[in-house]
Amino acid sequence: MSVRSLLLASIVAIAVPVVAVAQDAQPEQAQPAKEKKICRRGPPATGSIMMSRPICHTKAEWAKIDEQNERDTHRVLGHVGSLQPNGAQ
């Protein structure tokens, strides 16, 4: 092998991984930013009427939580009517 072909092979061996690393770095920059967290006050800690801790979720997570809370409320309120005595209206 001549010095010239050895030098060329060395340059190619060094350049290929550098190109691969540069290509891998580009998709990371293109990823969307993390969703912003929205914090709400949670229920007070047991034994305290003032100390509540913030609970933080993304907007999509809060939407799911709110939907579930709404379903639970309607389910419970629907059962309240069935608790009335037979003669009561």
N, C-alpha and C. Protein backbone atom coordinates (compact mmCIF):
# COMPACT_ATOMS: atom_id res chain seq x y z
N MET A 1 0.84 -1.16 0.00
CA MET A 1 0.00 0.00 0.00
C MET A 1 0.89 1.24 0.00
N SER A 2 0.55 2.15 -0.80
CA SER A 2 1.35 3.37 -0.86
C SER A 2 0.94 4.30 0.27
N VAL A 3 1.77 5.26 0.53
CA VAL A 3 1.50 6.24 1.57
C VAL A 3 0.24 7.04 1.23
N ARG A 4 0.09 7.31 -0.04
CA ARG A 4 -1.07 8.09 -0.48
C ARG A 4 -2.38 7.34 -0.21
N SER A 5 -2.47 6.09 -0.55
CA SER A 5 -3.70 5.33 -0.32
C SER A 5 -3.92 5.09 1.17
N LEU A 6 -2.86 4.94 1.95
CA LEU A 6 -2.98 4.79 3.39
C LEU A 6 -3.53 6.08 4.02
N LEU A 7 -3.03 7.21 3.54
CA LEU A 7 -3.50 8.50 4.02
C LEU A 7 -4.97 8.70 3.66
N LEU A 8 -5.35 8.35 2.45
CA LEU A 8 -6.74 8.47 2.00
C LEU A 8 -7.67 7.58 2.83
N ALA A 9 -7.23 6.35 3.10
CA ALA A 9 -8.03 5.43 3.91
C ALA A 9 -8.19 5.97 5.33
N SER A 10 -7.15 6.58 5.87
CA SER A 10 -7.22 7.16 7.22
C SER A 10 -8.21 8.32 7.27
N ILE A 11 -8.18 9.17 6.25
CA ILE A 11 -9.09 10.30 6.21
C ILE A 11 -10.54 9.83 6.11
N VAL A 12 -10.79 8.83 5.29
CA VAL A 12 -12.14 8.28 5.15
C VAL A 12 -12.59 7.66 6.47
N ALA A 13 -11.70 6.95 7.14
CA ALA A 13 -12.05 6.29 8.40
C ALA A 13 -12.40 7.32 9.48
N ILE A 14 -11.76 8.48 9.43
CA ILE A 14 -12.05 9.52 10.41
C ILE A 14 -13.31 10.30 10.02
N ALA A 15 -13.50 10.55 8.73
CA ALA A 15 -14.60 11.39 8.27
C ALA A 15 -15.95 10.70 8.38
N VAL A 16 -16.04 9.42 8.17
CA VAL A 16 -17.33 8.71 8.19
C VAL A 16 -18.00 8.80 9.56
N PRO A 17 -17.32 8.51 10.67
CA PRO A 17 -18.00 8.65 11.97
C PRO A 17 -18.41 10.09 12.28
N VAL A 18 -17.63 11.07 11.85
CA VAL A 18 -17.97 12.47 12.11
C VAL A 18 -19.25 12.84 11.38
N VAL A 19 -19.41 12.39 10.15
CA VAL A 19 -20.62 12.65 9.38
C VAL A 19 -21.81 11.98 10.05
N ALA A 20 -21.63 10.75 10.52
CA ALA A 20 -22.72 10.02 11.17
C ALA A 20 -23.15 10.72 12.46
N VAL A 21 -22.20 11.23 13.23
CA VAL A 21 -22.53 11.95 14.45
C VAL A 21 -23.28 13.24 14.12
N ALA A 22 -22.85 13.94 13.10
CA ALA A 22 -23.52 15.18 12.71
C ALA A 22 -24.96 14.90 12.25
N GLN A 23 -25.19 13.81 11.57
CA GLN A 23 -26.54 13.47 11.12
C GLN A 23 -27.42 13.07 12.30
N ASP A 24 -26.86 12.40 13.29
CA ASP A 24 -27.63 12.01 14.47
C ASP A 24 -28.03 13.23 15.30
N ALA A 25 -27.21 14.26 15.31
CA ALA A 25 -27.49 15.44 16.13
C ALA A 25 -28.64 16.26 15.56
N GLN A 26 -28.85 16.26 14.28
CA GLN A 26 -29.89 17.08 13.67
C GLN A 26 -31.30 16.69 14.10
N PRO A 27 -31.67 15.41 14.14
CA PRO A 27 -33.05 15.09 14.56
C PRO A 27 -33.35 15.53 16.00
N GLU A 28 -32.36 15.53 16.88
CA GLU A 28 -32.59 15.95 18.25
C GLU A 28 -33.00 17.42 18.31
N GLN A 29 -32.40 18.23 17.47
CA GLN A 29 -32.73 19.64 17.44
C GLN A 29 -34.12 19.87 16.85
N ALA A 30 -34.55 18.98 15.97
CA ALA A 30 -35.83 19.13 15.30
C ALA A 30 -37.00 18.66 16.17
N GLN A 31 -36.72 17.96 17.27
CA GLN A 31 -37.79 17.47 18.14
C GLN A 31 -38.52 18.65 18.77
N PRO A 32 -39.82 18.52 18.95
CA PRO A 32 -40.57 19.62 19.58
C PRO A 32 -40.14 19.80 21.04
N ALA A 33 -40.28 21.01 21.51
CA ALA A 33 -39.94 21.30 22.90
C ALA A 33 -40.91 20.57 23.82
N LYS A 34 -40.46 20.33 25.04
CA LYS A 34 -41.34 19.67 26.01
C LYS A 34 -42.54 20.55 26.28
N GLU A 35 -43.67 19.88 26.53
CA GLU A 35 -44.88 20.63 26.84
C GLU A 35 -44.71 21.32 28.19
N LYS A 36 -45.26 22.51 28.27
CA LYS A 36 -45.18 23.27 29.50
C LYS A 36 -46.08 22.64 30.55
N LYS A 37 -45.59 22.57 31.77
CA LYS A 37 -46.37 22.03 32.87
C LYS A 37 -47.28 23.12 33.45
N ILE A 38 -48.48 22.72 33.79
CA ILE A 38 -49.45 23.61 34.43
C ILE A 38 -49.65 23.08 35.84
N CYS A 39 -49.46 23.95 36.82
CA CYS A 39 -49.57 23.51 38.22
C CYS A 39 -50.86 24.03 38.84
N ARG A 40 -51.51 23.16 39.58
CA ARG A 40 -52.71 23.50 40.34
C ARG A 40 -52.47 23.13 41.79
N ARG A 41 -53.18 23.78 42.66
CA ARG A 41 -53.07 23.44 44.08
C ARG A 41 -53.85 22.16 44.34
N GLY A 42 -53.20 21.24 45.03
CA GLY A 42 -53.85 20.00 45.39
C GLY A 42 -54.61 20.15 46.69
N PRO A 43 -55.23 19.08 47.14
CA PRO A 43 -55.94 19.13 48.42
C PRO A 43 -54.93 19.33 49.55
N PRO A 44 -55.36 19.95 50.65
CA PRO A 44 -54.44 20.17 51.76
C PRO A 44 -53.96 18.84 52.35
N ALA A 45 -52.77 18.88 52.90
CA ALA A 45 -52.22 17.70 53.54
C ALA A 45 -53.08 17.31 54.73
N THR A 46 -53.08 16.06 55.09
CA THR A 46 -53.87 15.58 56.22
C THR A 46 -53.48 16.33 57.48
N GLY A 47 -54.48 16.85 58.15
CA GLY A 47 -54.24 17.57 59.40
C GLY A 47 -53.95 19.05 59.20
N SER A 48 -54.01 19.53 57.98
CA SER A 48 -53.72 20.93 57.73
C SER A 48 -54.79 21.52 56.82
N ILE A 49 -55.23 22.72 57.14
CA ILE A 49 -56.20 23.37 56.25
C ILE A 49 -55.50 24.39 55.34
N MET A 50 -54.22 24.58 55.53
CA MET A 50 -53.53 25.60 54.75
C MET A 50 -52.42 25.05 53.86
N MET A 51 -51.83 23.98 54.22
CA MET A 51 -50.67 23.47 53.49
C MET A 51 -51.10 22.55 52.35
N SER A 52 -51.20 23.10 51.16
CA SER A 52 -51.48 22.25 50.01
C SER A 52 -50.28 22.31 49.08
N ARG A 53 -50.06 21.25 48.37
CA ARG A 53 -48.91 21.18 47.47
C ARG A 53 -49.38 21.33 46.03
N PRO A 54 -48.53 21.93 45.21
CA PRO A 54 -48.91 22.04 43.80
C PRO A 54 -48.81 20.69 43.11
N ILE A 55 -49.72 20.44 42.20
CA ILE A 55 -49.71 19.24 41.37
C ILE A 55 -49.54 19.72 39.94
N CYS A 56 -48.52 19.23 39.26
CA CYS A 56 -48.19 19.73 37.93
C CYS A 56 -48.36 18.64 36.87
N HIS A 57 -49.05 18.99 35.79
CA HIS A 57 -49.24 18.10 34.63
C HIS A 57 -49.24 18.96 33.37
N THR A 58 -49.15 18.30 32.24
CA THR A 58 -49.27 19.01 30.97
C THR A 58 -50.74 19.32 30.71
N LYS A 59 -51.00 20.17 29.72
CA LYS A 59 -52.37 20.54 29.38
C LYS A 59 -53.19 19.30 29.00
N ALA A 60 -52.59 18.39 28.22
CA ALA A 60 -53.30 17.17 27.81
C ALA A 60 -53.60 16.27 29.01
N GLU A 61 -52.65 16.17 29.94
CA GLU A 61 -52.88 15.35 31.13
C GLU A 61 -54.00 15.94 31.99
N TRP A 62 -54.01 17.28 32.14
CA TRP A 62 -55.09 17.91 32.91
C TRP A 62 -56.43 17.69 32.25
N ALA A 63 -56.48 17.71 30.92
CA ALA A 63 -57.75 17.48 30.21
C ALA A 63 -58.28 16.08 30.52
N LYS A 64 -57.40 15.08 30.53
CA LYS A 64 -57.82 13.71 30.86
C LYS A 64 -58.30 13.63 32.30
N ILE A 65 -57.58 14.26 33.21
CA ILE A 65 -57.96 14.24 34.62
C ILE A 65 -59.33 14.91 34.81
N ASP A 66 -59.52 16.07 34.15
CA ASP A 66 -60.80 16.78 34.27
C ASP A 66 -61.95 15.95 33.70
N GLU A 67 -61.72 15.27 32.58
CA GLU A 67 -62.76 14.41 31.99
C GLU A 67 -63.13 13.29 32.95
N GLN A 68 -62.11 12.66 33.55
CA GLN A 68 -62.38 11.56 34.48
C GLN A 68 -63.13 12.07 35.71
N ASN A 69 -62.74 13.23 36.22
CA ASN A 69 -63.45 13.80 37.38
C ASN A 69 -64.91 14.10 37.05
N GLU A 70 -65.15 14.60 35.84
CA GLU A 70 -66.52 14.90 35.41
C GLU A 70 -67.35 13.62 35.32
N ARG A 71 -66.77 12.57 34.75
CA ARG A 71 -67.48 11.28 34.66
C ARG A 71 -67.79 10.73 36.05
N ASP A 72 -66.81 10.82 36.94
CA ASP A 72 -67.02 10.32 38.31
C ASP A 72 -68.12 11.10 39.01
N THR A 73 -68.13 12.43 38.83
CA THR A 73 -69.16 13.27 39.46
C THR A 73 -70.55 12.89 38.96
N HIS A 74 -70.70 12.74 37.65
CA HIS A 74 -72.00 12.37 37.08
C HIS A 74 -72.44 10.98 37.55
N ARG A 75 -71.48 10.09 37.66
CA ARG A 75 -71.81 8.73 38.11
C ARG A 75 -72.31 8.76 39.56
N VAL A 76 -71.62 9.50 40.42
CA VAL A 76 -72.01 9.57 41.83
C VAL A 76 -73.35 10.29 41.97
N LEU A 77 -73.51 11.42 41.27
CA LEU A 77 -74.76 12.15 41.38
C LEU A 77 -75.94 11.37 40.81
N GLY A 78 -75.69 10.52 39.85
CA GLY A 78 -76.74 9.66 39.31
C GLY A 78 -77.20 8.64 40.33
N HIS A 79 -76.29 8.21 41.21
CA HIS A 79 -76.66 7.23 42.23
C HIS A 79 -77.35 7.88 43.42
N VAL A 80 -77.19 9.18 43.60
CA VAL A 80 -77.82 9.86 44.72
C VAL A 80 -79.34 9.76 44.61
N GLY A 81 -79.88 9.90 43.40
CA GLY A 81 -81.33 9.79 43.22
C GLY A 81 -81.85 8.41 43.55
N SER A 82 -81.05 7.39 43.40
CA SER A 82 -81.50 6.03 43.70
C SER A 82 -81.47 5.73 45.19
N LEU A 83 -80.92 6.63 46.00
CA LEU A 83 -80.85 6.41 47.45
C LEU A 83 -82.09 6.91 48.18
N GLN A 84 -83.00 7.56 47.48
CA GLN A 84 -84.22 8.08 48.10
C GLN A 84 -85.14 6.91 48.50
N PRO A 85 -85.82 7.05 49.64
CA PRO A 85 -86.78 6.00 50.03
C PRO A 85 -87.88 5.87 48.98
N ASN A 86 -88.52 4.74 48.93
CA ASN A 86 -89.54 4.47 47.92
C ASN A 86 -90.65 5.50 47.91
N GLY A 87 -91.10 5.99 49.06
CA GLY A 87 -92.21 6.91 49.12
C GLY A 87 -91.82 8.36 48.86
N ALA A 88 -90.53 8.69 48.97
CA ALA A 88 -90.09 10.08 48.81
C ALA A 88 -89.97 10.45 47.34
N GLN A 89 -90.21 11.73 47.05
CA GLN A 89 -90.10 12.17 45.67
C GLN A 89 -89.27 13.39 45.55
